[in-house]
Every structure is written in structure tokens, then in C-alpha cells.
Amino acid sequence: MASHKERFADKMEFPPETPQPNIYPLSWNSKTRKLQEVWEAALRENWDPEKLPWDTLDVDSYSWEERESIAYWWSLLSVFDASAPPVFAEALIKTYEVHEEDPVRKCFFSVTRDEQNHEIMCGLAITRMLGHPDPLTYDAEDRARQAPAEERAVAVFQRRPLLDRLQAGRAQVRPGRAVQFLPDGRDRRRYHLQADVRQLPRSGLQGRLQEHRP
């Protein structure tokens, strides 16, 4: 089918105005030096959760009750962290639509990327602990039935409460509470239990996860 293309370039002095809000026209104004420094620091300190020394994590050194408990802790954390990337991504788009200066856009991008790393970290920890990619479809009872005889000695009904908590976690825990309350219900702020990464063992990932061992 033949197409008809009308030439406009020689009929107007300037291109038509772009309806707003819109990411166009682009500009790279930079007014806030401090934000540029924040962006540069984010580049220097970027990290990749998939490149952590996962080979040092021996999940078989944990009992299944411990592995499920650790996965439950990360599942609570993921309620917040998995919601953050799309939220900040929408904010990033907004900075382009309202034509924020370049360092502002960069900072929102760095926050979005960092939150994505947090989500990836949660997923990697949960998947390795459970041998399953998500807690909602994880069947602890089925895993117990397939366990060695010595593990099957632990009654299946004893595992049921944890399964219920895993599957109901997202429905029961609001994002705002996920970062404030521990799995046992204690208020993290009241008990001053926020983890300080500077105090964690440095003997590989095994040592880091050991801190969350029940």
C-alpha cells in the first residue's frame, strides 16, 4: 500500500509545541551540585546482589525449621522492598515529565535501582532457603513428606503455623509495618533491633545470614 508523507519542515519556522506533561523536550540543566555528588556516590557504591558469595552459604547446615523461619523473615522484608521499585519508577518518570533538573532525575534513578537490588536480595535469600521461588506457593507439608525419615519425625502439623504465616504474609502485613515489626511481633524501633551491617561477621554470606538464625 502506497503511503503519502507530507513534508512539514519547510512550512514552519519551529516544530509544533509538545503537549505537556511530557518527557520532551529534553534538557540537561544542572543547578544543585549536592545532588550531583549524591549521584556520583551512588555510582561508586553500587552493588550487585547476584555477585555476593552465595557459594559460601551452606543451606544444608540449617534445619528445615530454621530455613523456613529465615525465609519467613525475608518474606516480610520483601513486602516493602518488592513494592518500592515500581513506586520510585513512577516518580522517576514524573521528574522527566515536569522537567526537573538532571541531578534530580539521576537521584531518582539511583533510588529505583537500589530498591530493585533490595528486591533481588530478598528473592535470592528466599529461593535458596526454600529451594522454591516464592513463599506463597511453597508447600511446607509436601516438603515434609518428602524429607528423610529422621526429619519426618517432626509432625506435619507442627509446620502448619509457619506455612499459614508464609502464605498469608502479604495479606496480613502492610508495607509500613513490614519495616517496623519483627516476625515475632516486636516493634523493631522500640527494641532498637535495626541491623547494623558494620557489625555483621565478614566470613562470607553464611556469616551474614547467621545473624537471622532463630
C-alpha atoms as a PDB file:
ATOM      1  CA  MET A   1       0.000   0.000   0.000  1.00  0.00           C
ATOM      2  CA  ALA A   2       1.427   3.341  -1.002  1.00  0.00           C
ATOM      3  CA  SER A   3       1.841   5.872   1.801  1.00  0.00           C
ATOM      4  CA  HIS A   4       1.593   9.621   1.452  1.00  0.00           C
ATOM      5  CA  LYS A   5       4.076  11.616   3.533  1.00  0.00           C
ATOM      6  CA  GLU A   6       3.616  15.346   3.645  1.00  0.00           C
ATOM      7  CA  ARG A   7       6.689  17.467   4.253  1.00  0.00           C
ATOM      8  CA  PHE A   8       6.374  19.970   7.116  1.00  0.00           C
ATOM      9  CA  ALA A   9       9.984  21.033   7.715  1.00  0.00           C
ATOM     10  CA  ASP A  10       9.866  23.803   5.101  1.00  0.00           C
ATOM     11  CA  LYS A  11       6.406  25.014   6.132  1.00  0.00           C
ATOM     12  CA  MET A  12       7.057  26.157   9.717  1.00  0.00           C
ATOM     13  CA  GLU A  13       9.803  28.063  11.456  1.00  0.00           C
ATOM     14  CA  PHE A  14       9.815  25.812  14.562  1.00  0.00           C
ATOM     15  CA  PRO A  15       8.418  22.347  15.265  1.00  0.00           C
ATOM     16  CA  PRO A  16       4.982  22.262  16.918  1.00  0.00           C
ATOM     17  CA  GLU A  17       4.894  22.654  20.678  1.00  0.00           C
ATOM     18  CA  THR A  18       4.912  19.357  22.610  1.00  0.00           C
ATOM     19  CA  PRO A  19       1.782  18.889  24.756  1.00  0.00           C
ATOM     20  CA  GLN A  20       2.657  18.808  28.462  1.00  0.00           C
ATOM     21  CA  PRO A  21       3.275  16.998  30.772  1.00  0.00           C
ATOM     22  CA  ASN A  22       5.730  15.154  28.580  1.00  0.00           C
ATOM     23  CA  ILE A  23       9.311  13.981  28.859  1.00  0.00           C
ATOM     24  CA  TYR A  24      10.080  16.112  25.786  1.00  0.00           C
ATOM     25  CA  PRO A  25      11.677  18.473  25.131  1.00  0.00           C
ATOM     26  CA  LEU A  26      14.736  17.195  26.980  1.00  0.00           C
ATOM     27  CA  SER A  27      17.289  19.395  28.690  1.00  0.00           C
ATOM     28  CA  TRP A  28      20.235  18.754  30.987  1.00  0.00           C
ATOM     29  CA  ASN A  29      20.171  21.736  33.308  1.00  0.00           C
ATOM     30  CA  SER A  30      22.195  21.242  36.462  1.00  0.00           C
ATOM     31  CA  LYS A  31      21.769  23.602  39.386  1.00  0.00           C
ATOM     32  CA  THR A  32      22.194  21.529  42.551  1.00  0.00           C
ATOM     33  CA  ARG A  33      25.762  20.371  42.938  1.00  0.00           C
ATOM     34  CA  LYS A  34      24.972  18.377  46.079  1.00  0.00           C
ATOM     35  CA  LEU A  35      22.568  16.134  44.181  1.00  0.00           C
ATOM     36  CA  GLN A  36      25.215  15.520  41.542  1.00  0.00           C
ATOM     37  CA  GLU A  37      27.560  14.433  44.329  1.00  0.00           C
ATOM     38  CA  VAL A  38      24.876  12.051  45.632  1.00  0.00           C
ATOM     39  CA  TRP A  39      24.564  10.541  42.163  1.00  0.00           C
ATOM     40  CA  GLU A  40      28.328  10.118  41.845  1.00  0.00           C
ATOM     41  CA  ALA A  41      28.457   8.420  45.253  1.00  0.00           C
ATOM     42  CA  ALA A  42      25.676   6.050  44.167  1.00  0.00           C
ATOM     43  CA  LEU A  43      27.742   5.056  41.137  1.00  0.00           C
ATOM     44  CA  ARG A  44      30.827   4.391  43.242  1.00  0.00           C
ATOM     45  CA  GLU A  45      28.975   2.359  45.856  1.00  0.00           C
ATOM     46  CA  ASN A  46      26.746   0.352  43.532  1.00  0.00           C
ATOM     47  CA  TRP A  47      26.487  -3.352  44.387  1.00  0.00           C
ATOM     48  CA  ASP A  48      25.137  -6.444  42.684  1.00  0.00           C
ATOM     49  CA  PRO A  49      23.263  -8.892  44.960  1.00  0.00           C
ATOM     50  CA  GLU A  50      23.765 -11.705  42.468  1.00  0.00           C
ATOM     51  CA  LYS A  51      27.543 -11.348  42.822  1.00  0.00           C
ATOM     52  CA  LEU A  52      27.573 -11.872  46.585  1.00  0.00           C
ATOM     53  CA  PRO A  53      29.486 -15.015  47.658  1.00  0.00           C
ATOM     54  CA  TRP A  54      26.446 -17.274  47.548  1.00  0.00           C
ATOM     55  CA  ASP A  55      28.734 -20.279  47.218  1.00  0.00           C
ATOM     56  CA  THR A  56      29.722 -19.755  50.865  1.00  0.00           C
ATOM     57  CA  LEU A  57      26.121 -20.209  52.008  1.00  0.00           C
ATOM     58  CA  ASP A  58      25.610 -23.825  53.078  1.00  0.00           C
ATOM     59  CA  VAL A  59      21.831 -24.102  53.427  1.00  0.00           C
ATOM     60  CA  ASP A  60      22.196 -27.756  54.434  1.00  0.00           C
ATOM     61  CA  SER A  61      23.811 -26.623  57.686  1.00  0.00           C
ATOM     62  CA  TYR A  62      20.391 -25.285  58.729  1.00  0.00           C
ATOM     63  CA  SER A  63      17.446 -27.417  59.747  1.00  0.00           C
ATOM     64  CA  TRP A  64      14.304 -27.040  57.655  1.00  0.00           C
ATOM     65  CA  GLU A  65      12.616 -25.225  60.523  1.00  0.00           C
ATOM     66  CA  GLU A  66      15.480 -22.711  60.526  1.00  0.00           C
ATOM     67  CA  ARG A  67      15.433 -22.356  56.746  1.00  0.00           C
ATOM     68  CA  GLU A  68      11.685 -21.734  56.710  1.00  0.00           C
ATOM     69  CA  SER A  69      11.996 -19.221  59.556  1.00  0.00           C
ATOM     70  CA  ILE A  70      14.757 -17.308  57.768  1.00  0.00           C
ATOM     71  CA  ALA A  71      12.696 -17.351  54.557  1.00  0.00           C
ATOM     72  CA  TYR A  72       9.737 -16.016  56.524  1.00  0.00           C
ATOM     73  CA  TRP A  73      11.847 -13.096  57.795  1.00  0.00           C
ATOM     74  CA  TRP A  74      12.951 -12.241  54.238  1.00  0.00           C
ATOM     75  CA  SER A  75       9.351 -12.629  53.039  1.00  0.00           C
ATOM     76  CA  LEU A  76       8.201  -9.953  55.471  1.00  0.00           C
ATOM     77  CA  LEU A  77      11.004  -7.694  54.306  1.00  0.00           C
ATOM     78  CA  SER A  78      10.080  -8.291  50.662  1.00  0.00           C
ATOM     79  CA  VAL A  79       6.551  -6.964  51.238  1.00  0.00           C
ATOM     80  CA  PHE A  80       8.052  -3.487  51.374  1.00  0.00           C
ATOM     81  CA  ASP A  81      11.076  -3.947  49.137  1.00  0.00           C
ATOM     82  CA  ALA A  82       9.119  -5.501  46.265  1.00  0.00           C
ATOM     83  CA  SER A  83       6.702  -2.572  46.254  1.00  0.00           C
ATOM     84  CA  ALA A  84       9.424   0.078  46.131  1.00  0.00           C
ATOM     85  CA  PRO A  85      10.805  -0.295  42.556  1.00  0.00           C
ATOM     86  CA  PRO A  86       7.517   0.483  40.742  1.00  0.00           C
ATOM     87  CA  VAL A  87       6.772   3.340  43.138  1.00  0.00           C
ATOM     88  CA  PHE A  88      10.113   5.044  42.563  1.00  0.00           C
ATOM     89  CA  ALA A  89       9.997   4.215  38.852  1.00  0.00           C
ATOM     90  CA  GLU A  90       6.746   6.172  38.599  1.00  0.00           C
ATOM     91  CA  ALA A  91       8.382   9.045  40.486  1.00  0.00           C
ATOM     92  CA  LEU A  92      11.336   8.897  38.089  1.00  0.00           C
ATOM     93  CA  ILE A  93       9.005   9.270  35.109  1.00  0.00           C
ATOM     94  CA  LYS A  94       7.374  12.228  36.840  1.00  0.00           C
ATOM     95  CA  THR A  95      10.725  14.008  37.204  1.00  0.00           C
ATOM     96  CA  TYR A  96      11.072  13.835  33.429  1.00  0.00           C
ATOM     97  CA  GLU A  97       7.516  14.975  32.776  1.00  0.00           C
ATOM     98  CA  VAL A  98       7.857  18.074  34.963  1.00  0.00           C
ATOM     99  CA  HIS A  99      11.369  18.724  33.593  1.00  0.00           C
ATOM    100  CA  GLU A 100      13.316  18.509  36.821  1.00  0.00           C
ATOM    101  CA  GLU A 101      16.993  19.287  36.559  1.00  0.00           C
ATOM    102  CA  ASP A 102      19.358  16.499  35.536  1.00  0.00           C
ATOM    103  CA  PRO A 103      20.768  15.687  39.031  1.00  0.00           C
ATOM    104  CA  VAL A 104      17.227  15.215  40.397  1.00  0.00           C
ATOM    105  CA  ARG A 105      16.423  12.695  37.662  1.00  0.00           C
ATOM    106  CA  LYS A 106      19.694  10.881  38.318  1.00  0.00           C
ATOM    107  CA  CYS A 107      18.988  10.639  42.046  1.00  0.00           C
ATOM    108  CA  PHE A 108      15.539   9.164  41.497  1.00  0.00           C
ATOM    109  CA  PHE A 109      17.054   6.664  39.094  1.00  0.00           C
ATOM    110  CA  SER A 110      19.665   5.644  41.673  1.00  0.00           C
ATOM    111  CA  VAL A 111      16.974   5.124  44.331  1.00  0.00           C
ATOM    112  CA  THR A 112      14.932   3.000  41.919  1.00  0.00           C
ATOM    113  CA  ARG A 113      17.956   0.858  41.109  1.00  0.00           C
ATOM    114  CA  ASP A 114      18.869   0.444  44.781  1.00  0.00           C
ATOM    115  CA  GLU A 115      15.347  -0.647  45.684  1.00  0.00           C
ATOM    116  CA  GLN A 116      15.494  -3.147  42.834  1.00  0.00           C
ATOM    117  CA  ASN A 117      18.661  -4.561  44.410  1.00  0.00           C
ATOM    118  CA  HIS A 118      16.802  -4.950  47.706  1.00  0.00           C
ATOM    119  CA  GLU A 119      14.018  -6.865  45.990  1.00  0.00           C
ATOM    120  CA  ILE A 120      16.520  -9.116  44.222  1.00  0.00           C
ATOM    121  CA  MET A 121      18.287  -9.780  47.533  1.00  0.00           C
ATOM    122  CA  CYS A 122      15.027 -10.854  49.161  1.00  0.00           C
ATOM    123  CA  GLY A 123      14.220 -13.175  46.274  1.00  0.00           C
ATOM    124  CA  LEU A 124      17.663 -14.764  46.252  1.00  0.00           C
ATOM    125  CA  ALA A 125      17.612 -15.428  50.003  1.00  0.00           C
ATOM    126  CA  ILE A 126      14.083 -16.879  49.932  1.00  0.00           C
ATOM    127  CA  THR A 127      14.771 -19.050  46.882  1.00  0.00           C
ATOM    128  CA  ARG A 128      17.944 -20.513  48.334  1.00  0.00           C
ATOM    129  CA  MET A 129      16.448 -21.172  51.738  1.00  0.00           C
ATOM    130  CA  LEU A 130      13.258 -22.806  50.449  1.00  0.00           C
ATOM    131  CA  GLY A 131      14.509 -24.221  47.155  1.00  0.00           C
ATOM    132  CA  HIS A 132      11.408 -22.510  45.777  1.00  0.00           C
ATOM    133  CA  PRO A 133      10.996 -19.110  44.068  1.00  0.00           C
ATOM    134  CA  ASP A 134       8.248 -17.649  46.269  1.00  0.00           C
ATOM    135  CA  PRO A 135       6.741 -18.186  49.724  1.00  0.00           C
ATOM    136  CA  LEU A 136       3.094 -18.040  48.693  1.00  0.00           C
ATOM    137  CA  THR A 137       3.119 -21.270  46.679  1.00  0.00           C
ATOM    138  CA  TYR A 138       5.698 -23.012  48.842  1.00  0.00           C
ATOM    139  CA  ASP A 139       4.208 -26.220  50.289  1.00  0.00           C
ATOM    140  CA  ALA A 140       5.905 -26.985  53.595  1.00  0.00           C
ATOM    141  CA  GLU A 141       3.729 -30.048  54.147  1.00  0.00           C
ATOM    142  CA  ASP A 142       4.717 -31.539  50.807  1.00  0.00           C
ATOM    143  CA  ARG A 143       8.368 -30.880  51.546  1.00  0.00           C
ATOM    144  CA  ALA A 144       7.999 -32.542  54.950  1.00  0.00           C
ATOM    145  CA  ARG A 145       6.502 -35.651  53.354  1.00  0.00           C
ATOM    146  CA  GLN A 146       9.490 -35.915  51.008  1.00  0.00           C
ATOM    147  CA  ALA A 147      12.053 -35.343  53.755  1.00  0.00           C
ATOM    148  CA  PRO A 148      14.303 -38.104  55.136  1.00  0.00           C
ATOM    149  CA  ALA A 149      12.789 -40.341  57.784  1.00  0.00           C
ATOM    150  CA  GLU A 150      14.547 -38.566  60.649  1.00  0.00           C
ATOM    151  CA  GLU A 151      13.007 -35.244  59.564  1.00  0.00           C
ATOM    152  CA  ARG A 152       9.582 -36.743  59.067  1.00  0.00           C
ATOM    153  CA  ALA A 153       9.624 -37.498  62.778  1.00  0.00           C
ATOM    154  CA  VAL A 154       8.664 -33.851  63.199  1.00  0.00           C
ATOM    155  CA  ALA A 155       4.891 -33.893  62.839  1.00  0.00           C
ATOM    156  CA  VAL A 156       3.494 -32.075  59.813  1.00  0.00           C
ATOM    157  CA  PHE A 157       1.039 -30.150  61.961  1.00  0.00           C
ATOM    158  CA  GLN A 158       3.989 -28.524  63.712  1.00  0.00           C
ATOM    159  CA  ARG A 159       4.965 -26.968  60.393  1.00  0.00           C
ATOM    160  CA  ARG A 160       1.476 -25.800  59.562  1.00  0.00           C
ATOM    161  CA  PRO A 161       1.562 -22.493  61.501  1.00  0.00           C
ATOM    162  CA  LEU A 162       4.664 -21.375  59.618  1.00  0.00           C
ATOM    163  CA  LEU A 163       3.055 -22.315  56.301  1.00  0.00           C
ATOM    164  CA  ASP A 164      -0.010 -20.284  57.205  1.00  0.00           C
ATOM    165  CA  ARG A 165       2.168 -17.300  58.088  1.00  0.00           C
ATOM    166  CA  LEU A 166       4.152 -17.592  54.869  1.00  0.00           C
ATOM    167  CA  GLN A 167       1.084 -17.776  52.652  1.00  0.00           C
ATOM    168  CA  ALA A 168      -0.797 -15.045  54.495  1.00  0.00           C
ATOM    169  CA  GLY A 169       2.165 -12.722  54.958  1.00  0.00           C
ATOM    170  CA  ARG A 170       1.364 -10.246  52.203  1.00  0.00           C
ATOM    171  CA  ALA A 171      -2.272 -10.033  53.218  1.00  0.00           C
ATOM    172  CA  GLN A 172      -1.527  -9.510  56.912  1.00  0.00           C
ATOM    173  CA  VAL A 173       1.440  -7.167  56.804  1.00  0.00           C
ATOM    174  CA  ARG A 174       1.161  -3.676  55.384  1.00  0.00           C
ATOM    175  CA  PRO A 175       4.303  -2.214  53.800  1.00  0.00           C
ATOM    176  CA  GLY A 176       4.619   0.389  56.525  1.00  0.00           C
ATOM    177  CA  ARG A 177       4.628  -2.302  59.207  1.00  0.00           C
ATOM    178  CA  ALA A 178       6.950  -4.630  57.380  1.00  0.00           C
ATOM    179  CA  VAL A 179       9.957  -2.486  58.163  1.00  0.00           C
ATOM    180  CA  GLN A 180       8.923  -1.732  61.718  1.00  0.00           C
ATOM    181  CA  PHE A 181       7.957  -5.096  63.167  1.00  0.00           C
ATOM    182  CA  LEU A 182       9.883  -8.345  63.511  1.00  0.00           C
ATOM    183  CA  PRO A 183       8.330 -11.737  62.670  1.00  0.00           C
ATOM    184  CA  ASP A 184       7.620 -12.330  66.368  1.00  0.00           C
ATOM    185  CA  GLY A 185       5.633  -9.089  66.543  1.00  0.00           C
ATOM    186  CA  ARG A 186       8.159  -6.969  68.438  1.00  0.00           C
ATOM    187  CA  ASP A 187       8.470  -3.361  67.389  1.00  0.00           C
ATOM    188  CA  ARG A 188      11.934  -3.003  65.819  1.00  0.00           C
ATOM    189  CA  ARG A 189      12.107   0.670  66.798  1.00  0.00           C
ATOM    190  CA  ARG A 190      11.255   0.013  70.442  1.00  0.00           C
ATOM    191  CA  TYR A 191      13.820  -2.756  70.836  1.00  0.00           C
ATOM    192  CA  HIS A 192      16.461  -0.998  68.742  1.00  0.00           C
ATOM    193  CA  LEU A 193      16.959  -4.092  66.596  1.00  0.00           C
ATOM    194  CA  GLN A 194      17.760  -2.410  63.299  1.00  0.00           C
ATOM    195  CA  ALA A 195      20.675  -4.338  61.802  1.00  0.00           C
ATOM    196  CA  ASP A 196      23.996  -2.540  61.516  1.00  0.00           C
ATOM    197  CA  VAL A 197      25.913  -4.005  58.609  1.00  0.00           C
ATOM    198  CA  ARG A 198      29.184  -2.783  60.107  1.00  0.00           C
ATOM    199  CA  GLN A 199      28.720  -5.219  62.998  1.00  0.00           C
ATOM    200  CA  LEU A 200      27.913  -8.289  60.885  1.00  0.00           C
ATOM    201  CA  PRO A 201      30.543 -11.057  60.523  1.00  0.00           C
ATOM    202  CA  ARG A 202      32.687 -10.795  57.412  1.00  0.00           C
ATOM    203  CA  SER A 203      33.144 -14.543  56.854  1.00  0.00           C
ATOM    204  CA  GLY A 204      31.066 -14.683  53.672  1.00  0.00           C
ATOM    205  CA  LEU A 205      27.312 -14.739  53.226  1.00  0.00           C
ATOM    206  CA  GLN A 206      26.981 -17.629  55.665  1.00  0.00           C
ATOM    207  CA  GLY A 207      28.001 -15.322  58.493  1.00  0.00           C
ATOM    208  CA  ARG A 208      25.583 -12.596  57.406  1.00  0.00           C
ATOM    209  CA  LEU A 209      22.569 -14.903  57.358  1.00  0.00           C
ATOM    210  CA  GLN A 210      23.692 -16.458  60.653  1.00  0.00           C
ATOM    211  CA  GLU A 211      22.612 -13.213  62.306  1.00  0.00           C
ATOM    212  CA  HIS A 212      18.985 -14.040  61.421  1.00  0.00           C
ATOM    213  CA  ARG A 213      19.130 -17.608  62.645  1.00  0.00           C
ATOM    214  CA  PRO A 214      16.319 -18.233  65.186  1.00  0.00           C
END
